[in-house]
Amino acid sequence: MKTVTTIVTTCCILLSLAACGNTIRGIGRDTANTVNATQNAGNRVANAAAH
């Protein structure tokens, strides 16, 4: 019974770590997209002001 408990606990920990990794990766992508959108908006404003 102790072995089953250990296996289940290990699986739960691994699943939790995988979920955290996916969340952190997603936050990184969202941040990069936000930076790109902000830079693009700044470029459009600069171009509109120049013309």
C-alpha atoms as a PDB file:
ATOM      1  CA  MET A   1       0.000   0.000   0.000  1.00  0.00           C
ATOM      2  CA  LYS A   2       2.900   2.326   0.744  1.00  0.00           C
ATOM      3  CA  THR A   3       4.222   1.868  -2.804  1.00  0.00           C
ATOM      4  CA  VAL A   4       0.874   2.834  -4.339  1.00  0.00           C
ATOM      5  CA  THR A   5       0.716   5.949  -2.188  1.00  0.00           C
ATOM      6  CA  THR A   6       4.239   6.909  -3.212  1.00  0.00           C
ATOM      7  CA  ILE A   7       3.463   6.427  -6.908  1.00  0.00           C
ATOM      8  CA  VAL A   8       0.255   8.460  -6.705  1.00  0.00           C
ATOM      9  CA  THR A   9       1.982  11.242  -4.789  1.00  0.00           C
ATOM     10  CA  THR A  10       4.836  11.341  -7.299  1.00  0.00           C
ATOM     11  CA  CYS A  11       2.389  11.535 -10.206  1.00  0.00           C
ATOM     12  CA  CYS A  12       0.496  14.394  -8.555  1.00  0.00           C
ATOM     13  CA  ILE A  13       3.707  16.333  -7.975  1.00  0.00           C
ATOM     14  CA  LEU A  14       4.830  15.810 -11.573  1.00  0.00           C
ATOM     15  CA  LEU A  15       1.473  16.949 -12.933  1.00  0.00           C
ATOM     16  CA  SER A  16       1.580  20.045 -10.754  1.00  0.00           C
ATOM     17  CA  LEU A  17       5.078  20.921 -11.965  1.00  0.00           C
ATOM     18  CA  ALA A  18       4.051  20.434 -15.583  1.00  0.00           C
ATOM     19  CA  ALA A  19       1.068  22.741 -15.097  1.00  0.00           C
ATOM     20  CA  CYS A  20       3.302  25.416 -13.553  1.00  0.00           C
ATOM     21  CA  GLY A  21       5.705  25.164 -16.473  1.00  0.00           C
ATOM     22  CA  ASN A  22       2.897  25.644 -18.984  1.00  0.00           C
ATOM     23  CA  THR A  23       1.540  28.629 -17.061  1.00  0.00           C
ATOM     24  CA  ILE A  24       4.933  30.329 -16.880  1.00  0.00           C
ATOM     25  CA  ARG A  25       5.528  29.689 -20.588  1.00  0.00           C
ATOM     26  CA  GLY A  26       2.105  31.181 -21.388  1.00  0.00           C
ATOM     27  CA  ILE A  27       2.788  34.278 -19.290  1.00  0.00           C
ATOM     28  CA  GLY A  28       6.058  34.744 -21.164  1.00  0.00           C
ATOM     29  CA  ARG A  29       4.266  34.578 -24.513  1.00  0.00           C
ATOM     30  CA  ASP A  30       1.580  37.005 -23.357  1.00  0.00           C
ATOM     31  CA  THR A  31       4.217  39.448 -22.146  1.00  0.00           C
ATOM     32  CA  ALA A  32       6.105  39.229 -25.439  1.00  0.00           C
ATOM     33  CA  ASN A  33       2.888  39.829 -27.388  1.00  0.00           C
ATOM     34  CA  THR A  34       2.088  42.859 -25.219  1.00  0.00           C
ATOM     35  CA  VAL A  35       5.548  44.332 -25.804  1.00  0.00           C
ATOM     36  CA  ASN A  36       5.245  43.769 -29.556  1.00  0.00           C
ATOM     37  CA  ALA A  37       1.796  45.372 -29.678  1.00  0.00           C
ATOM     38  CA  THR A  38       3.025  48.388 -27.706  1.00  0.00           C
ATOM     39  CA  GLN A  39       6.024  48.832 -29.994  1.00  0.00           C
ATOM     40  CA  ASN A  40       3.842  48.531 -33.092  1.00  0.00           C
ATOM     41  CA  ALA A  41       1.415  51.117 -31.725  1.00  0.00           C
ATOM     42  CA  GLY A  42       4.306  53.479 -30.979  1.00  0.00           C
ATOM     43  CA  ASN A  43       5.645  53.036 -34.502  1.00  0.00           C
ATOM     44  CA  ARG A  44       2.213  53.776 -36.014  1.00  0.00           C
ATOM     45  CA  VAL A  45       1.896  56.939 -33.925  1.00  0.00           C
ATOM     46  CA  ALA A  46       5.403  58.053 -34.918  1.00  0.00           C
ATOM     47  CA  ASN A  47       4.673  57.401 -38.586  1.00  0.00           C
ATOM     48  CA  ALA A  48       1.373  59.272 -38.416  1.00  0.00           C
ATOM     49  CA  ALA A  49       3.053  62.251 -36.735  1.00  0.00           C
ATOM     50  CA  ALA A  50       5.803  62.312 -39.373  1.00  0.00           C
ATOM     51  CA  HIS A  51       3.346  62.565 -42.257  1.00  0.00           C
END
